[in-house]
Each structure stands twice: as C-alpha cells, then as structure tokens.
N, C-alpha and C. Protein backbone atom coordinates (compact mmCIF):
# COMPACT_ATOMS: atom_id res chain seq x y z
N MET A 1 0.83 -1.16 0.00
CA MET A 1 -0.03 -0.01 -0.01
C MET A 1 0.88 1.26 -0.01
N GLU A 2 2.15 1.09 0.08
CA GLU A 2 3.02 2.25 0.17
C GLU A 2 2.93 3.01 -1.19
N GLY A 3 2.81 4.35 -1.07
CA GLY A 3 2.79 5.22 -2.23
C GLY A 3 1.34 5.41 -2.76
N LYS A 4 0.33 4.66 -2.20
CA LYS A 4 -1.04 4.80 -2.59
C LYS A 4 -1.71 5.67 -1.52
N GLU A 5 -2.52 6.64 -1.91
CA GLU A 5 -3.25 7.45 -1.02
C GLU A 5 -4.71 7.11 -1.09
N LYS A 6 -5.28 6.73 0.06
CA LYS A 6 -6.72 6.42 0.12
C LYS A 6 -7.46 7.73 0.30
N LYS A 7 -8.60 7.85 -0.36
CA LYS A 7 -9.47 9.02 -0.22
C LYS A 7 -10.84 8.62 0.15
N ILE A 8 -11.44 9.31 1.10
CA ILE A 8 -12.84 9.06 1.48
C ILE A 8 -13.66 10.00 0.62
N LYS A 9 -14.70 9.47 0.01
CA LYS A 9 -15.54 10.27 -0.91
C LYS A 9 -16.90 10.50 -0.24
N ILE A 10 -17.39 11.69 -0.36
CA ILE A 10 -18.72 11.99 0.00
C ILE A 10 -19.55 11.96 -1.23
N THR A 11 -20.67 11.23 -1.21
CA THR A 11 -21.44 11.07 -2.41
C THR A 11 -21.95 12.44 -2.93
N PRO A 12 -22.07 12.58 -4.18
CA PRO A 12 -22.68 13.80 -4.74
C PRO A 12 -24.15 13.95 -4.37
N ILE A 13 -24.58 15.17 -4.36
CA ILE A 13 -26.02 15.38 -4.08
C ILE A 13 -26.76 15.71 -5.38
N GLU A 14 -27.99 15.34 -5.42
CA GLU A 14 -28.81 15.47 -6.66
C GLU A 14 -29.37 16.92 -6.71
N HIS A 15 -29.94 17.33 -5.62
CA HIS A 15 -30.50 18.73 -5.51
C HIS A 15 -30.12 19.25 -4.15
N GLY A 16 -29.65 20.49 -4.09
CA GLY A 16 -29.30 21.14 -2.80
C GLY A 16 -28.17 22.08 -2.85
N THR A 17 -27.44 22.19 -1.84
CA THR A 17 -26.39 23.21 -1.71
C THR A 17 -25.09 22.64 -1.18
N VAL A 18 -24.01 23.10 -1.78
CA VAL A 18 -22.62 22.79 -1.28
C VAL A 18 -22.02 24.10 -0.89
N ILE A 19 -21.58 24.18 0.36
CA ILE A 19 -20.91 25.40 0.88
C ILE A 19 -19.46 25.02 0.95
N ASP A 20 -18.59 25.59 0.17
CA ASP A 20 -17.19 25.26 0.02
C ASP A 20 -16.37 26.43 0.55
N HIS A 21 -15.11 26.16 0.75
CA HIS A 21 -14.12 27.20 1.25
C HIS A 21 -14.53 27.84 2.52
N ILE A 22 -15.19 27.04 3.36
CA ILE A 22 -15.55 27.55 4.70
C ILE A 22 -14.22 27.59 5.49
N LYS A 23 -14.00 28.68 6.21
CA LYS A 23 -12.81 28.85 7.03
C LYS A 23 -12.68 27.58 7.91
N LYS A 24 -11.43 27.08 8.00
CA LYS A 24 -11.15 25.87 8.76
C LYS A 24 -11.67 25.99 10.22
N GLY A 25 -12.42 24.92 10.60
CA GLY A 25 -12.98 24.89 11.92
C GLY A 25 -14.35 25.57 12.15
N GLN A 26 -14.86 26.09 11.03
CA GLN A 26 -16.10 26.84 11.06
C GLN A 26 -17.38 26.03 10.59
N GLY A 27 -17.15 24.83 10.12
CA GLY A 27 -18.21 24.01 9.53
C GLY A 27 -19.38 23.83 10.43
N MET A 28 -19.06 23.47 11.76
CA MET A 28 -20.21 23.25 12.65
C MET A 28 -21.01 24.50 12.87
N LYS A 29 -20.29 25.65 12.90
CA LYS A 29 -21.03 26.90 12.98
C LYS A 29 -22.01 27.18 11.81
N VAL A 30 -21.49 26.81 10.66
CA VAL A 30 -22.38 26.95 9.45
C VAL A 30 -23.60 26.03 9.61
N LEU A 31 -23.41 24.78 10.07
CA LEU A 31 -24.58 23.96 10.31
C LEU A 31 -25.53 24.51 11.37
N ARG A 32 -25.01 25.18 12.33
CA ARG A 32 -25.89 25.87 13.39
C ARG A 32 -26.66 26.99 12.72
N ILE A 33 -25.96 27.77 11.90
CA ILE A 33 -26.59 28.91 11.23
C ILE A 33 -27.76 28.45 10.39
N LEU A 34 -27.58 27.34 9.71
CA LEU A 34 -28.57 26.72 8.85
C LEU A 34 -29.63 25.98 9.62
N ASP A 35 -29.57 25.95 10.94
CA ASP A 35 -30.49 25.25 11.79
C ASP A 35 -30.50 23.74 11.51
N LEU A 36 -29.33 23.14 11.34
CA LEU A 36 -29.26 21.74 11.03
C LEU A 36 -28.64 20.90 12.22
N VAL A 37 -28.51 21.56 13.39
CA VAL A 37 -28.02 20.92 14.55
C VAL A 37 -29.05 20.82 15.61
N ASP A 38 -29.05 19.77 16.37
CA ASP A 38 -29.94 19.70 17.55
C ASP A 38 -31.45 19.68 17.19
N ARG A 39 -31.74 19.23 16.00
CA ARG A 39 -33.15 18.94 15.69
C ARG A 39 -33.25 17.83 14.64
N GLU A 40 -34.35 17.21 14.52
CA GLU A 40 -34.51 16.18 13.57
C GLU A 40 -34.76 16.73 12.20
N ILE A 41 -33.97 16.20 11.25
CA ILE A 41 -34.13 16.67 9.84
C ILE A 41 -34.20 15.39 8.95
N ASP A 42 -34.77 15.65 7.73
CA ASP A 42 -34.94 14.54 6.81
C ASP A 42 -33.80 14.57 5.74
N SER A 43 -33.15 15.71 5.60
CA SER A 43 -32.16 15.85 4.52
C SER A 43 -30.87 15.13 4.86
N ILE A 44 -30.19 14.72 3.82
CA ILE A 44 -28.81 14.21 3.91
C ILE A 44 -27.91 15.42 4.13
N VAL A 45 -27.11 15.42 5.16
CA VAL A 45 -26.13 16.52 5.45
C VAL A 45 -24.76 15.87 5.60
N SER A 46 -23.78 16.42 4.81
CA SER A 46 -22.39 15.95 4.96
C SER A 46 -21.55 17.09 5.24
N MET A 47 -20.58 16.83 6.13
CA MET A 47 -19.57 17.87 6.46
C MET A 47 -18.19 17.28 6.50
N ALA A 48 -17.28 17.96 5.83
CA ALA A 48 -15.88 17.56 5.86
C ALA A 48 -15.13 18.76 6.51
N MET A 49 -14.14 18.36 7.46
CA MET A 49 -13.38 19.41 8.16
C MET A 49 -11.90 19.17 7.78
N ASN A 50 -11.21 20.25 7.84
CA ASN A 50 -9.77 20.23 7.61
C ASN A 50 -9.35 19.58 6.32
N VAL A 51 -10.07 19.88 5.26
CA VAL A 51 -9.81 19.38 3.92
C VAL A 51 -8.61 20.15 3.31
N ASN A 52 -7.71 19.46 2.71
CA ASN A 52 -6.62 20.11 2.04
C ASN A 52 -7.21 20.86 0.77
N SER A 53 -6.69 22.04 0.59
CA SER A 53 -6.98 22.84 -0.61
C SER A 53 -5.79 23.62 -0.98
N SER A 54 -5.79 24.21 -2.16
CA SER A 54 -4.64 25.02 -2.61
C SER A 54 -4.44 26.25 -1.77
N MET A 55 -5.41 26.67 -1.04
CA MET A 55 -5.36 27.86 -0.16
C MET A 55 -5.14 27.45 1.30
N GLY A 56 -4.82 26.17 1.60
CA GLY A 56 -4.71 25.66 2.99
C GLY A 56 -5.81 24.75 3.34
N LYS A 57 -6.17 24.68 4.57
CA LYS A 57 -7.22 23.82 5.07
C LYS A 57 -8.60 24.55 4.97
N LYS A 58 -9.65 23.79 4.77
CA LYS A 58 -10.99 24.35 4.72
C LYS A 58 -12.01 23.31 5.19
N ASP A 59 -13.20 23.75 5.43
CA ASP A 59 -14.34 22.92 5.70
C ASP A 59 -15.34 22.96 4.57
N ILE A 60 -16.11 21.93 4.41
CA ILE A 60 -17.12 21.86 3.35
C ILE A 60 -18.42 21.29 3.99
N VAL A 61 -19.54 21.87 3.61
CA VAL A 61 -20.89 21.41 4.07
C VAL A 61 -21.75 21.14 2.78
N LYS A 62 -22.40 19.99 2.75
CA LYS A 62 -23.35 19.65 1.70
C LYS A 62 -24.69 19.31 2.28
N VAL A 63 -25.73 19.95 1.71
CA VAL A 63 -27.08 19.81 2.26
C VAL A 63 -28.00 19.42 1.08
N GLU A 64 -28.49 18.25 1.16
CA GLU A 64 -29.46 17.74 0.15
C GLU A 64 -30.84 18.43 0.35
N GLY A 65 -31.46 18.87 -0.73
CA GLY A 65 -32.84 19.36 -0.68
C GLY A 65 -32.96 20.76 -0.10
N LYS A 66 -31.91 21.52 -0.01
CA LYS A 66 -32.03 22.91 0.55
C LYS A 66 -31.25 23.90 -0.31
N GLU A 67 -31.87 24.99 -0.67
CA GLU A 67 -31.21 26.08 -1.31
C GLU A 67 -31.25 27.25 -0.36
N LEU A 68 -30.09 27.86 -0.24
CA LEU A 68 -29.96 28.96 0.82
C LEU A 68 -30.75 30.24 0.35
N LYS A 69 -31.11 30.98 1.45
CA LYS A 69 -31.78 32.26 1.29
C LYS A 69 -30.75 33.31 1.45
N ASN A 70 -30.95 34.56 0.94
CA ASN A 70 -30.01 35.67 1.04
C ASN A 70 -29.57 35.92 2.49
N GLU A 71 -30.50 35.84 3.43
CA GLU A 71 -30.20 36.06 4.82
C GLU A 71 -29.18 35.02 5.32
N GLU A 72 -29.31 33.81 4.86
CA GLU A 72 -28.32 32.75 5.22
C GLU A 72 -26.90 33.05 4.62
N PHE A 73 -26.87 33.63 3.44
CA PHE A 73 -25.55 34.06 2.86
C PHE A 73 -24.92 34.97 3.72
N ASP A 74 -25.69 36.04 4.17
CA ASP A 74 -25.09 37.06 5.08
C ASP A 74 -24.59 36.50 6.35
N LYS A 75 -25.35 35.62 6.93
CA LYS A 75 -24.94 34.96 8.24
C LYS A 75 -23.58 34.17 8.03
N ILE A 76 -23.53 33.44 6.99
CA ILE A 76 -22.34 32.62 6.70
C ILE A 76 -21.10 33.60 6.40
N SER A 77 -21.33 34.71 5.75
CA SER A 77 -20.29 35.55 5.44
C SER A 77 -19.68 36.17 6.74
N LEU A 78 -20.40 36.31 7.78
CA LEU A 78 -19.91 36.86 9.01
C LEU A 78 -18.91 35.95 9.73
N ILE A 79 -18.99 34.63 9.43
CA ILE A 79 -18.07 33.79 10.11
C ILE A 79 -17.03 33.17 9.13
N SER A 80 -17.36 33.29 7.81
CA SER A 80 -16.48 32.76 6.82
C SER A 80 -16.63 33.60 5.52
N PRO A 81 -16.02 34.77 5.45
CA PRO A 81 -16.28 35.72 4.31
C PRO A 81 -15.78 35.20 2.94
N ASN A 82 -15.01 34.16 2.87
CA ASN A 82 -14.49 33.67 1.59
C ASN A 82 -15.19 32.40 1.15
N ALA A 83 -16.29 32.05 1.81
CA ALA A 83 -17.02 30.81 1.43
C ALA A 83 -17.64 30.95 0.07
N THR A 84 -17.86 29.79 -0.60
CA THR A 84 -18.62 29.81 -1.85
C THR A 84 -19.81 28.90 -1.67
N VAL A 85 -20.94 29.27 -2.27
CA VAL A 85 -22.13 28.47 -2.24
C VAL A 85 -22.47 28.08 -3.59
N ASN A 86 -22.56 26.71 -3.74
CA ASN A 86 -22.94 26.09 -5.07
C ASN A 86 -24.34 25.57 -4.96
N ILE A 87 -25.20 25.95 -5.85
CA ILE A 87 -26.59 25.38 -5.95
C ILE A 87 -26.55 24.28 -6.92
N ILE A 88 -26.99 23.09 -6.45
CA ILE A 88 -26.91 21.90 -7.28
C ILE A 88 -28.35 21.45 -7.68
N ARG A 89 -28.52 21.16 -8.95
CA ARG A 89 -29.71 20.56 -9.50
C ARG A 89 -29.35 19.47 -10.52
N ASP A 90 -29.97 18.34 -10.29
CA ASP A 90 -29.68 17.15 -11.20
C ASP A 90 -28.16 16.89 -11.22
N TYR A 91 -27.55 16.93 -10.07
CA TYR A 91 -26.12 16.63 -9.85
C TYR A 91 -25.17 17.63 -10.54
N GLU A 92 -25.73 18.75 -11.02
CA GLU A 92 -24.86 19.77 -11.68
C GLU A 92 -24.93 21.07 -10.94
N VAL A 93 -23.75 21.81 -10.92
CA VAL A 93 -23.73 23.13 -10.33
C VAL A 93 -24.50 24.10 -11.31
N ILE A 94 -25.57 24.66 -10.91
CA ILE A 94 -26.31 25.65 -11.70
C ILE A 94 -25.96 27.02 -11.41
N LYS A 95 -25.62 27.36 -10.08
CA LYS A 95 -25.25 28.66 -9.64
C LYS A 95 -24.08 28.55 -8.69
N LYS A 96 -23.19 29.44 -8.82
CA LYS A 96 -22.01 29.49 -7.90
C LYS A 96 -21.94 30.95 -7.34
N HIS A 97 -21.96 31.12 -6.06
CA HIS A 97 -21.90 32.46 -5.41
C HIS A 97 -20.75 32.46 -4.49
N ARG A 98 -20.02 33.57 -4.44
CA ARG A 98 -19.12 33.76 -3.37
C ARG A 98 -19.81 34.68 -2.36
N VAL A 99 -19.89 34.28 -1.11
CA VAL A 99 -20.49 35.14 -0.12
C VAL A 99 -19.67 36.36 0.10
N GLY A 100 -20.27 37.42 0.36
CA GLY A 100 -19.43 38.59 0.63
C GLY A 100 -19.96 39.37 1.79
N LEU A 101 -19.17 40.02 2.58
CA LEU A 101 -19.57 40.74 3.74
C LEU A 101 -20.52 41.88 3.31
N PRO A 102 -21.65 41.98 3.97
CA PRO A 102 -22.53 43.15 3.69
C PRO A 102 -21.93 44.37 4.40
N ASP A 103 -22.32 45.56 4.00
CA ASP A 103 -21.92 46.72 4.71
C ASP A 103 -22.59 46.88 6.08
N PHE A 104 -23.81 46.41 6.11
CA PHE A 104 -24.58 46.39 7.35
C PHE A 104 -25.20 45.01 7.52
N ALA A 105 -25.27 44.49 8.76
CA ALA A 105 -25.93 43.19 9.10
C ALA A 105 -27.19 43.60 9.93
N LYS A 106 -28.37 43.49 9.22
CA LYS A 106 -29.65 43.81 9.92
C LYS A 106 -30.42 42.63 10.31
N GLY A 107 -30.74 42.50 11.59
CA GLY A 107 -31.64 41.43 12.06
C GLY A 107 -31.03 40.02 12.03
N ILE A 108 -29.73 39.89 11.92
CA ILE A 108 -29.19 38.50 11.83
C ILE A 108 -28.14 38.26 13.00
N VAL A 109 -27.81 39.31 13.78
CA VAL A 109 -26.92 39.17 14.92
C VAL A 109 -27.55 39.88 16.10
N ARG A 110 -27.43 39.25 17.20
CA ARG A 110 -27.90 39.87 18.46
C ARG A 110 -26.77 40.60 19.09
N CYS A 111 -27.09 41.80 19.69
CA CYS A 111 -26.10 42.62 20.29
C CYS A 111 -25.74 41.94 21.63
N LYS A 112 -24.39 41.89 21.94
CA LYS A 112 -23.98 41.31 23.20
C LYS A 112 -24.17 42.24 24.43
N ASN A 113 -24.45 43.42 24.14
CA ASN A 113 -24.71 44.42 25.23
C ASN A 113 -26.15 44.30 25.74
N SER A 114 -26.26 43.75 26.93
CA SER A 114 -27.64 43.48 27.50
C SER A 114 -28.43 44.79 27.71
N ASN A 115 -27.72 45.93 27.76
CA ASN A 115 -28.46 47.22 27.93
C ASN A 115 -28.77 47.95 26.61
N CYS A 116 -28.37 47.30 25.51
CA CYS A 116 -28.73 47.88 24.15
C CYS A 116 -30.20 47.84 23.95
N ILE A 117 -30.72 48.85 23.30
CA ILE A 117 -32.18 48.98 23.08
C ILE A 117 -32.71 47.73 22.31
N THR A 118 -31.85 47.14 21.52
CA THR A 118 -32.33 45.94 20.72
C THR A 118 -32.54 44.74 21.66
N ASN A 119 -32.08 44.79 22.88
CA ASN A 119 -32.26 43.68 23.82
C ASN A 119 -33.31 43.98 24.89
N GLN A 120 -33.98 45.14 24.71
CA GLN A 120 -35.07 45.55 25.60
C GLN A 120 -36.38 45.11 24.98
N SER A 121 -37.53 45.55 25.46
CA SER A 121 -38.82 45.12 24.97
C SER A 121 -39.29 46.02 23.80
N GLU A 122 -38.35 46.87 23.36
CA GLU A 122 -38.73 47.74 22.22
C GLU A 122 -38.69 46.92 20.92
N PRO A 123 -39.60 47.32 19.98
CA PRO A 123 -39.58 46.58 18.72
C PRO A 123 -38.53 47.15 17.75
N VAL A 124 -37.32 46.96 18.11
CA VAL A 124 -36.21 47.54 17.30
C VAL A 124 -35.36 46.33 16.72
N GLU A 125 -35.13 46.34 15.37
CA GLU A 125 -34.35 45.33 14.79
C GLU A 125 -32.83 45.66 14.95
N THR A 126 -32.07 44.59 15.27
CA THR A 126 -30.65 44.78 15.39
C THR A 126 -30.03 45.30 14.07
N GLU A 127 -28.97 46.08 14.20
CA GLU A 127 -28.24 46.58 13.01
C GLU A 127 -26.80 46.78 13.37
N PHE A 128 -25.93 46.22 12.61
CA PHE A 128 -24.47 46.37 12.86
C PHE A 128 -23.85 46.83 11.54
N GLU A 129 -22.86 47.73 11.70
CA GLU A 129 -22.00 48.18 10.63
C GLU A 129 -20.81 47.23 10.66
N VAL A 130 -20.45 46.71 9.40
CA VAL A 130 -19.24 45.87 9.32
C VAL A 130 -18.04 46.82 9.21
N THR A 131 -17.19 46.79 10.24
CA THR A 131 -16.06 47.76 10.27
C THR A 131 -14.74 47.15 10.03
N GLY A 132 -14.68 45.78 9.92
CA GLY A 132 -13.43 45.08 9.65
C GLY A 132 -13.69 43.78 8.91
N GLU A 133 -12.74 43.35 8.12
CA GLU A 133 -12.89 42.13 7.34
C GLU A 133 -12.07 40.96 7.77
N ASP A 134 -10.86 41.18 8.25
CA ASP A 134 -9.98 40.05 8.66
C ASP A 134 -9.24 40.38 9.93
N PRO A 135 -9.77 40.13 11.08
CA PRO A 135 -11.05 39.36 11.27
C PRO A 135 -12.29 40.23 11.13
N VAL A 136 -13.46 39.59 10.90
CA VAL A 136 -14.67 40.34 10.75
C VAL A 136 -14.90 41.11 12.07
N LYS A 137 -15.33 42.39 11.93
CA LYS A 137 -15.59 43.15 13.11
C LYS A 137 -16.96 43.92 12.87
N LEU A 138 -17.80 43.84 13.85
CA LEU A 138 -19.10 44.49 13.76
C LEU A 138 -19.27 45.57 14.84
N ARG A 139 -19.99 46.63 14.50
CA ARG A 139 -20.25 47.69 15.46
C ARG A 139 -21.75 47.94 15.51
N CYS A 140 -22.37 47.78 16.67
CA CYS A 140 -23.82 48.01 16.81
C CYS A 140 -24.12 49.52 16.51
N THR A 141 -25.07 49.72 15.69
CA THR A 141 -25.41 51.17 15.33
C THR A 141 -26.17 51.87 16.39
N TYR A 142 -26.69 51.10 17.41
CA TYR A 142 -27.42 51.72 18.47
C TYR A 142 -26.60 52.04 19.73
N CYS A 143 -25.68 51.13 20.12
CA CYS A 143 -24.96 51.29 21.35
C CYS A 143 -23.42 51.42 21.14
N ASP A 144 -22.97 51.25 19.90
CA ASP A 144 -21.49 51.30 19.48
C ASP A 144 -20.68 50.15 20.02
N ARG A 145 -21.29 49.16 20.58
CA ARG A 145 -20.53 47.96 21.06
C ARG A 145 -19.93 47.21 19.90
N GLU A 146 -18.72 46.83 19.95
CA GLU A 146 -18.03 46.08 18.89
C GLU A 146 -17.98 44.58 19.25
N MET A 147 -18.06 43.77 18.17
CA MET A 147 -17.89 42.33 18.33
C MET A 147 -16.98 41.78 17.18
N THR A 148 -16.23 40.72 17.52
CA THR A 148 -15.40 40.02 16.57
C THR A 148 -15.43 38.56 16.80
N GLY A 149 -15.03 37.74 15.79
CA GLY A 149 -14.86 36.32 15.94
C GLY A 149 -15.91 35.56 16.65
N GLU A 150 -15.56 34.86 17.76
CA GLU A 150 -16.47 34.04 18.51
C GLU A 150 -17.72 34.76 18.96
N GLU A 151 -17.49 36.00 19.35
CA GLU A 151 -18.68 36.83 19.77
C GLU A 151 -19.72 36.87 18.64
N ILE A 152 -19.30 37.08 17.44
CA ILE A 152 -20.24 37.13 16.34
C ILE A 152 -20.96 35.78 16.14
N SER A 153 -20.12 34.74 16.00
CA SER A 153 -20.75 33.42 15.75
C SER A 153 -21.65 32.96 16.88
N GLU A 154 -21.41 33.33 18.10
CA GLU A 154 -22.27 32.95 19.19
C GLU A 154 -23.57 33.80 19.23
N ASN A 155 -23.61 34.94 18.53
CA ASN A 155 -24.79 35.77 18.51
C ASN A 155 -25.55 35.83 17.30
N VAL A 156 -25.14 35.06 16.30
CA VAL A 156 -25.91 34.99 15.05
C VAL A 156 -27.30 34.39 15.40
N ILE A 157 -28.35 35.12 14.93
CA ILE A 157 -29.72 34.71 15.24
C ILE A 157 -30.20 33.64 14.26
C-alpha cells in the first residue's frame, strides 16, 4: 500500500447546496446557522473538516434538498467571508456564489450588550456596521458595542 493514497468520498447530491471554502474549523457553526444541529431533519447533510486545498485547510458542508436564502448568505459571510455556495440541481452546479460581507448586518446578529435597546422590549431590529474584514468586526449602530470572531458566531440569530 506504500505510495497509494486512500481518499474518502462523500457522495454527490442530486439537488441542494454545497458550501465550500468555509474557514477551517467553522463548519459546525455553518450547520448551526442553517439550523441543522440539535433537531430532527430529513435531509442528507455531509460535512468535511480540515480538507486540504490550494489555499490551505478548509471545511465543506453539503445539504441535500435545501437552497440557501439571502439572509443565510449574510450569516455565513460573518463567520467565513471567503466561502462559496454552489446550488446543485440534477447533480450539476447551476449557480455559484461567493459570499461577501454586507456593509450592514440587519436582524441577523444579536447585540452582546444586555443594555442595548435591541435587547429591551422595544420593537427595534438589530443593526451592525461591518467595520473590519480580517477578522470580521461589527459595530452596533445603537450602542456602538463592537464584536469580533467568537462573539459574532455565538450571537448569530
């Protein structure tokens, strides 16, 4: 067996979404964002972590029977701004999107400041300005509290 490399293959999906180039170690967070953890689902979900790529290590998520909404693109971009989303139909990629950081994140992240008006009983939607890209940095437009990294992924709604 010397000189031969074994590869584990994840079967292709007929219809659904493949999220590729997820920042190493962020695959489980993507599954949480897509609400695919801690609940019963009927879809086939595959995740590969620490996959070798020309740009280093990455994670990959495949979800059978689900196409992402724009809001989900924005959520993923906050934890992995270089991810790509491939929409699959009949085993073929029909659309390929690179997620990009929005200028503002509205209604998708909870402010970590318990005194922020968005965490009170007021009907105010959260809004953050994206002030940094590497690492991603957000600033609440109401209380000016900043969040980065883990704080963001822990507060994605």
